[in-house]
Protein backbone atom coordinates (compact mmCIF):
# COMPACT_ATOMS: atom_id res chain seq x y z
CA UNK A 1 -23.98 -0.56 -7.07
CA UNK A 2 -23.35 -0.02 -3.75
CA UNK A 3 -20.67 2.51 -3.14
CA UNK A 4 -18.73 4.42 -0.28
CA UNK A 5 -18.84 8.08 -1.65
CA UNK A 6 -16.62 10.66 -0.73
CA UNK A 7 -18.80 14.29 -1.47
CA UNK A 8 -16.44 17.05 0.56
CA UNK A 9 -12.86 17.91 0.98
CA UNK A 10 -13.24 20.05 3.55
CA UNK A 11 -15.10 17.34 5.85
CA UNK A 12 -12.90 13.98 5.25
CA UNK A 13 -13.75 10.81 6.83
CA UNK A 14 -16.89 12.74 7.68
CA UNK A 15 -18.13 13.48 4.51
CA UNK A 16 -18.20 9.16 3.80
CA UNK A 17 -20.98 8.21 3.47
CA UNK A 18 -22.44 4.46 1.73
CA UNK A 19 -24.63 5.62 -1.60
CA UNK A 20 -25.98 4.37 -4.54
CA UNK A 21 -24.19 4.99 -7.96
CA UNK A 22 -24.15 4.13 -11.81
CA UNK A 23 -22.16 0.73 -12.55
CA UNK A 24 -19.06 1.78 -14.35
CA UNK A 25 -18.93 1.06 -17.75
CA UNK A 26 -15.19 -0.47 -19.44
CA UNK A 27 -13.74 2.24 -21.49
CA UNK A 28 -10.77 1.02 -23.90
CA UNK A 29 -8.20 -1.55 -22.53
CA UNK A 30 -9.78 -1.38 -19.84
CA UNK A 31 -12.22 -4.00 -17.42
CA UNK A 32 -14.66 -4.10 -15.29
CA UNK A 33 -14.07 -5.93 -11.81
CA UNK A 34 -16.84 -7.25 -9.24
CA UNK A 35 -14.64 -6.21 -6.49
CA UNK A 36 -14.22 -8.47 -3.40
CA UNK A 37 -12.76 -7.40 -1.81
CA UNK A 38 -10.64 -3.49 -1.01
CA UNK A 39 -8.09 -1.58 0.56
CA UNK A 40 -7.62 2.06 1.56
CA UNK A 41 -4.93 4.17 2.69
CA UNK A 42 -6.72 6.93 5.13
CA UNK A 43 -4.29 9.67 3.85
CA UNK A 44 -5.73 9.17 0.36
CA UNK A 45 -8.66 11.94 1.12
CA UNK A 46 -5.47 14.21 1.30
CA UNK A 47 -4.37 13.51 -2.11
CA UNK A 48 -5.63 15.91 -5.40
CA UNK A 49 -6.14 12.91 -7.20
CA UNK A 50 -8.94 12.17 -4.97
CA UNK A 51 -10.63 14.99 -6.21
CA UNK A 52 -9.95 15.88 -9.98
CA UNK A 53 -9.18 14.21 -13.00
CA UNK A 54 -6.48 14.35 -14.83
CA UNK A 55 -7.21 17.62 -16.10
CA UNK A 56 -7.74 19.08 -12.41
CA UNK A 57 -11.73 19.01 -13.60
CA UNK A 58 -13.78 18.33 -9.78
CA UNK A 59 -14.85 14.95 -10.10
CA UNK A 60 -16.95 14.82 -6.84
CA UNK A 61 -18.77 12.96 -5.60
CA UNK A 62 -15.53 10.75 -5.73
CA UNK A 63 -15.39 7.05 -4.75
CA UNK A 64 -11.82 6.02 -2.81
CA UNK A 65 -9.92 3.07 -2.80
CA UNK A 66 -7.34 1.74 -5.11
CA UNK A 67 -6.56 -1.84 -3.50
CA UNK A 68 -9.23 -4.93 -5.44
CA UNK A 69 -9.37 -8.31 -5.39
CA UNK A 70 -12.13 -9.49 -7.36
CA UNK A 71 -13.90 -11.06 -11.08
CA UNK A 72 -13.53 -9.64 -14.12
CA UNK A 73 -16.48 -9.17 -16.02
CA UNK A 74 -16.56 -7.67 -18.60
CA UNK A 75 -14.01 -6.34 -20.98
CA UNK A 76 -13.28 -2.83 -23.39
CA UNK A 77 -12.58 -2.65 -26.68
CA UNK A 78 -8.70 -4.14 -27.45
CA UNK A 79 -8.14 -4.84 -23.64
CA UNK A 80 -5.60 -8.80 -23.85
CA UNK A 81 -4.23 -10.62 -20.90
CA UNK A 82 -7.37 -10.91 -19.77
CA UNK A 83 -10.64 -12.81 -19.31
CA UNK A 84 -13.81 -12.57 -18.02
CA UNK A 85 -14.56 -14.50 -15.14
CA UNK A 86 -10.77 -14.11 -14.08
CA UNK A 87 -10.08 -13.66 -10.65
CA UNK A 88 -7.45 -10.40 -10.48
CA UNK A 89 -5.83 -8.00 -8.20
CA UNK A 90 -4.14 -4.74 -8.36
CA UNK A 91 -4.74 -1.28 -8.35
CA UNK A 92 -7.12 1.00 -9.66
CA UNK A 93 -5.70 4.80 -11.43
CA UNK A 94 -5.17 7.09 -8.75
CA UNK A 95 -7.45 9.91 -10.92
CA UNK A 96 -10.89 7.88 -11.18
CA UNK A 97 -13.33 5.85 -8.85
CA UNK A 98 -11.56 3.87 -7.40
CA UNK A 99 -12.24 0.13 -5.18
CA UNK A 100 -15.13 0.96 -2.79
CA UNK A 101 -17.73 0.06 -5.08
CA UNK A 102 -19.24 -3.39 -5.77
CA UNK A 103 -17.87 -2.81 -9.29
CA UNK A 104 -14.79 -0.54 -10.54
CA UNK A 105 -13.55 -0.10 -14.17
CA UNK A 106 -9.32 -0.42 -14.32
CA UNK A 107 -6.95 -0.04 -16.65
CA UNK A 108 -5.72 -4.36 -17.34
CA UNK A 109 -2.29 -3.54 -17.58
CA UNK A 110 -2.61 -2.50 -13.65
CA UNK A 111 -4.58 -5.92 -13.03
CA UNK A 112 -2.28 -9.59 -11.94
CA UNK A 113 -4.38 -12.65 -11.94
CA UNK A 114 -4.59 -13.88 -8.55
CA UNK A 115 -4.52 -17.26 -7.89
CA UNK A 116 -7.58 -19.98 -6.78
CA UNK A 117 -5.81 -20.59 -3.63
CA UNK A 118 -5.54 -17.37 -2.20
CA UNK A 119 -8.39 -15.57 -0.60
CA UNK A 120 -9.56 -12.13 -2.08
CA UNK A 121 -9.11 -10.69 1.27
CA UNK A 122 -5.59 -11.17 1.64
CA UNK A 123 -5.34 -10.16 -2.35
CA UNK A 124 -6.68 -7.19 -1.57
CA UNK A 125 -4.17 -5.94 0.99
CA UNK A 126 -1.22 -6.84 -1.77
CA UNK A 127 -0.98 -4.09 -4.15
CA UNK A 128 -0.28 -0.72 -2.31
CA UNK A 129 1.96 -2.14 0.36
CA UNK A 130 3.60 -4.94 -1.21
CA UNK A 131 4.61 -3.02 -4.48
CA UNK A 132 5.64 -0.22 -2.26
CA UNK A 133 7.69 -2.02 -0.64
CA UNK A 134 9.29 -3.87 -3.70
CA UNK A 135 10.20 -1.29 -5.48
CA UNK A 136 11.10 0.93 -2.46
CA UNK A 137 13.78 -2.05 -1.63
CA UNK A 138 14.81 -3.01 -5.49
CA UNK A 139 14.00 -0.56 -7.64
CA UNK A 140 14.77 3.10 -5.61
CA UNK A 141 17.46 0.91 -3.07
CA UNK A 142 18.97 -0.97 -4.71
CA UNK A 143 19.27 -3.02 -1.91
CA UNK A 144 22.14 -5.99 -2.17
CA UNK A 145 22.22 -8.72 0.10
CA UNK A 146 24.67 -8.09 3.54
CA UNK A 147 23.50 -4.53 3.86
CA UNK A 148 21.60 -2.91 6.65
CA UNK A 149 18.73 -1.26 7.00
CA UNK A 150 16.00 0.85 8.94
CA UNK A 151 12.63 -0.03 8.52
CA UNK A 152 10.55 2.48 10.06
CA UNK A 153 6.42 1.27 10.85
CA UNK A 154 7.65 -2.19 10.74
CA UNK A 155 4.50 -3.69 12.42
CA UNK A 156 2.04 -1.92 10.17
CA UNK A 157 1.03 -2.63 6.50
CA UNK A 158 3.57 -1.72 4.39
CA UNK A 159 6.82 -1.69 7.34
CA UNK A 160 6.29 -5.54 7.57
CA UNK A 161 6.35 -6.08 4.05
CA UNK A 162 10.05 -3.94 3.70
CA UNK A 163 10.98 -6.30 6.81
CA UNK A 164 10.24 -9.46 5.50
CA UNK A 165 11.58 -8.60 2.16
CA UNK A 166 14.20 -7.15 2.99
CA UNK A 167 15.75 -9.64 5.01
CA UNK A 168 14.69 -12.76 2.04
CA UNK A 169 16.79 -10.10 -0.01
CA UNK A 170 19.76 -10.48 2.82
CA UNK A 171 19.51 -7.54 4.72
CA UNK A 172 20.13 -6.87 8.11
CA UNK A 173 17.04 -4.98 9.21
CA UNK A 174 16.27 -2.52 12.41
CA UNK A 175 12.64 -2.51 12.64
CA UNK A 176 10.98 0.95 14.52
CA UNK A 177 7.98 1.92 16.10
CA UNK A 178 5.89 1.52 19.04
CA UNK A 179 6.52 -0.59 21.88
CA UNK A 180 3.41 -2.14 21.56
CA UNK A 181 4.45 -2.64 18.13
CA UNK A 182 7.92 -4.55 18.83
CA UNK A 183 7.22 -8.60 19.27
CA UNK A 184 5.10 -7.87 16.20
CA UNK A 185 8.26 -6.46 14.28
CA UNK A 186 10.63 -8.84 15.75
CA UNK A 187 7.86 -11.78 14.24
CA UNK A 188 8.10 -10.65 11.26
CA UNK A 189 11.36 -11.18 10.51
CA UNK A 190 13.14 -7.84 12.16
CA UNK A 191 16.71 -8.11 13.85
CA UNK A 192 16.63 -6.03 16.61
CA UNK A 193 13.63 -2.98 17.25
CA UNK A 194 14.01 0.19 18.03
CA UNK A 195 10.89 2.07 19.94
CA UNK A 196 11.19 5.74 18.94
CA UNK A 197 9.41 6.56 22.04
CA UNK A 198 12.18 6.00 24.64
CA UNK A 199 15.27 4.75 22.60
CA UNK A 200 17.15 6.89 20.97
CA UNK A 201 17.30 5.84 16.79
CA UNK A 202 20.88 6.50 16.88
CA UNK A 203 22.45 4.22 18.92
CA UNK A 204 21.76 1.75 15.80
CA UNK A 205 24.74 2.85 13.91
CA UNK A 206 25.62 3.85 10.44
CA UNK A 207 23.50 1.82 8.04
CA UNK A 208 23.44 1.44 4.43
CA UNK A 209 19.51 1.86 3.56
CA UNK A 210 16.34 4.38 5.71
CA UNK A 211 13.06 3.38 4.20
CA UNK A 212 11.34 6.15 6.07
CA UNK A 213 7.48 5.81 6.47
CA UNK A 214 6.68 8.34 8.67
CA UNK A 215 8.49 11.47 7.45
CA UNK A 216 9.29 14.79 9.67
CA UNK A 217 11.71 14.58 12.26
CA UNK A 218 12.27 10.86 12.03
CA UNK A 219 13.36 11.61 8.49
CA UNK A 220 15.37 14.04 9.80
CA UNK A 221 17.31 12.25 12.00
CA UNK A 222 17.68 8.92 9.53
CA UNK A 223 18.73 10.61 7.17
CA UNK A 224 21.98 11.27 9.31
CA UNK A 225 22.53 7.60 9.65
CA UNK A 226 23.46 6.49 6.40
CA UNK A 227 26.68 5.07 5.56
CA UNK A 228 28.66 7.28 2.77
CA UNK A 229 26.54 5.96 0.03
CA UNK A 230 23.48 4.80 1.86
CA UNK A 231 20.41 5.69 0.23
CA UNK A 232 17.03 7.55 2.09
CA UNK A 233 13.98 6.21 0.57
CA UNK A 234 10.37 7.51 1.48
CA UNK A 235 6.92 7.44 0.50
CA UNK A 236 6.14 10.73 2.15
CA UNK A 237 7.34 13.35 0.31
CA UNK A 238 11.47 14.60 0.01
CA UNK A 239 12.97 14.77 3.21
CA UNK A 240 14.04 18.29 4.38
CA UNK A 241 17.54 16.60 5.34
CA UNK A 242 19.43 16.02 2.50
CA UNK A 243 22.26 12.34 3.53
CA UNK A 244 25.71 14.40 3.20
CA UNK A 245 27.57 11.23 1.30
CA UNK A 246 24.14 9.44 0.12
CA UNK A 247 21.50 10.24 -1.82
CA UNK A 248 17.33 10.25 -0.69
CA UNK A 249 14.91 9.74 -3.19
CA UNK A 250 10.95 10.26 -3.09
CA UNK A 251 8.64 7.82 -5.01
CA UNK A 252 4.92 7.31 -5.75
CA UNK A 253 4.06 3.10 -6.24
CA UNK A 254 3.71 2.66 -9.19
CA UNK A 255 1.84 -0.87 -10.51
CA UNK A 256 3.68 -3.23 -12.30
CA UNK A 257 2.07 -6.78 -13.31
CA UNK A 258 4.97 -8.46 -13.12
CA UNK A 259 6.40 -7.59 -9.29
CA UNK A 260 2.34 -8.49 -8.35
CA UNK A 261 3.22 -11.43 -9.94
CA UNK A 262 6.67 -12.45 -7.64
CA UNK A 263 4.23 -10.68 -5.00
CA UNK A 264 1.58 -13.42 -4.58
CA UNK A 265 4.28 -16.59 -5.01
CA UNK A 266 5.82 -15.51 -1.99
CA UNK A 267 2.36 -15.12 -0.33
CA UNK A 268 1.00 -18.90 -1.68
CA UNK A 269 4.85 -20.22 -0.75
CA UNK A 270 5.29 -18.52 2.65
CA UNK A 271 7.56 -16.74 2.51
CA UNK A 272 5.47 -13.38 2.84
CA UNK A 273 2.70 -12.75 4.84
CA UNK A 274 0.34 -10.00 5.03
CA UNK A 275 -0.56 -7.86 7.61
CA UNK A 276 -4.05 -7.09 8.29
CA UNK A 277 -5.17 -5.47 10.98
CA UNK A 278 -9.26 -4.48 10.71
CA UNK A 279 -11.51 -6.54 7.93
CA UNK A 280 -15.15 -5.22 7.41
CA UNK A 281 -17.98 -4.90 5.22
CA UNK A 282 -19.46 -2.84 3.02
CA UNK A 283 -21.78 -1.09 5.50
CA UNK A 284 -19.41 -0.97 7.79
CA UNK A 285 -16.99 0.57 5.76
CA UNK A 286 -17.15 4.06 7.40
CA UNK A 287 -16.93 3.24 11.03
CA UNK A 288 -14.04 0.93 9.77
CA UNK A 289 -11.89 3.71 8.50
CA UNK A 290 -12.18 5.67 11.81
CA UNK A 291 -11.30 2.88 14.63
CA UNK A 292 -11.68 4.11 18.32
CA UNK A 293 -8.94 1.32 19.30
CA UNK A 294 -5.48 1.48 17.09
CA UNK A 295 -5.33 -2.06 14.90
CA UNK A 296 -1.50 -2.62 13.00
CA UNK A 297 -1.62 -3.46 9.61
CA UNK A 298 -4.04 -3.11 6.66
CA UNK A 299 -7.91 -1.96 6.89
CA UNK A 300 -10.18 -3.90 3.99
CA UNK A 301 -13.03 -4.39 3.16
CA UNK A 302 -15.06 -7.38 2.08
CA UNK A 303 -17.37 -5.70 -0.35
CA UNK A 304 -19.13 -9.16 -1.20
CA UNK A 305 -19.38 -11.87 1.13
């Protein structure tokens, strides 16, 4: 099969290439999925799990990518809940070869049915962005109606999901980003917007929850804006400044079939819009990951036309 592989950790994106790889086999409780579309996160090449298996053994050349939408082609021993020919979406395991390939082996529990009226390209854009937003707001942030939320990167792939879901849950959302992102953030539902390059974040006052996708100095400043009992939720690692009267939680997104179902249903009925910035073929994937023009939103690779 064709796949994007990386053979040199030090080379980063420059080490990516299109290559021929053996088709995967379904292990116990696995399914093999014919990938139609795949998502990719640029930071994957800095994750230890990209380069080693769970035992710490080198697994180069590695196939990156973890989000997928496709069709089940075979079932491993003991696999239940899915069937051959079924459309699915979900997350591949961090420590195994990923989804930038024509086929991928995935634990069945990491997949959810993809309804026939949801395009594969849209489906592949949902798992990481949607689950990250859902889990950060619901499970870790324990967001309640009437609370205020700072959504950093509100025009991005994850931030736009945070903004939309927070508004649905009854929150007042303050989006942040660059000046060029203002209208997009407002279109995704932010009540107001802060240009981090030219406007003072501190002017927004105290808030109940900060969803931090940036870290660094912005993360430090955000922690100081929490009301007593507030929460700083981060996916960029522990904050260097702990809130004086609140809590800071950093987490790694986890696959969840029921949550994926909730997210897909919102896309189907129009409550949630995905944010795709670039869509390219597998042959053009490497170039798409190193764009010369900044395009906010998710990069999706259409493995099958």
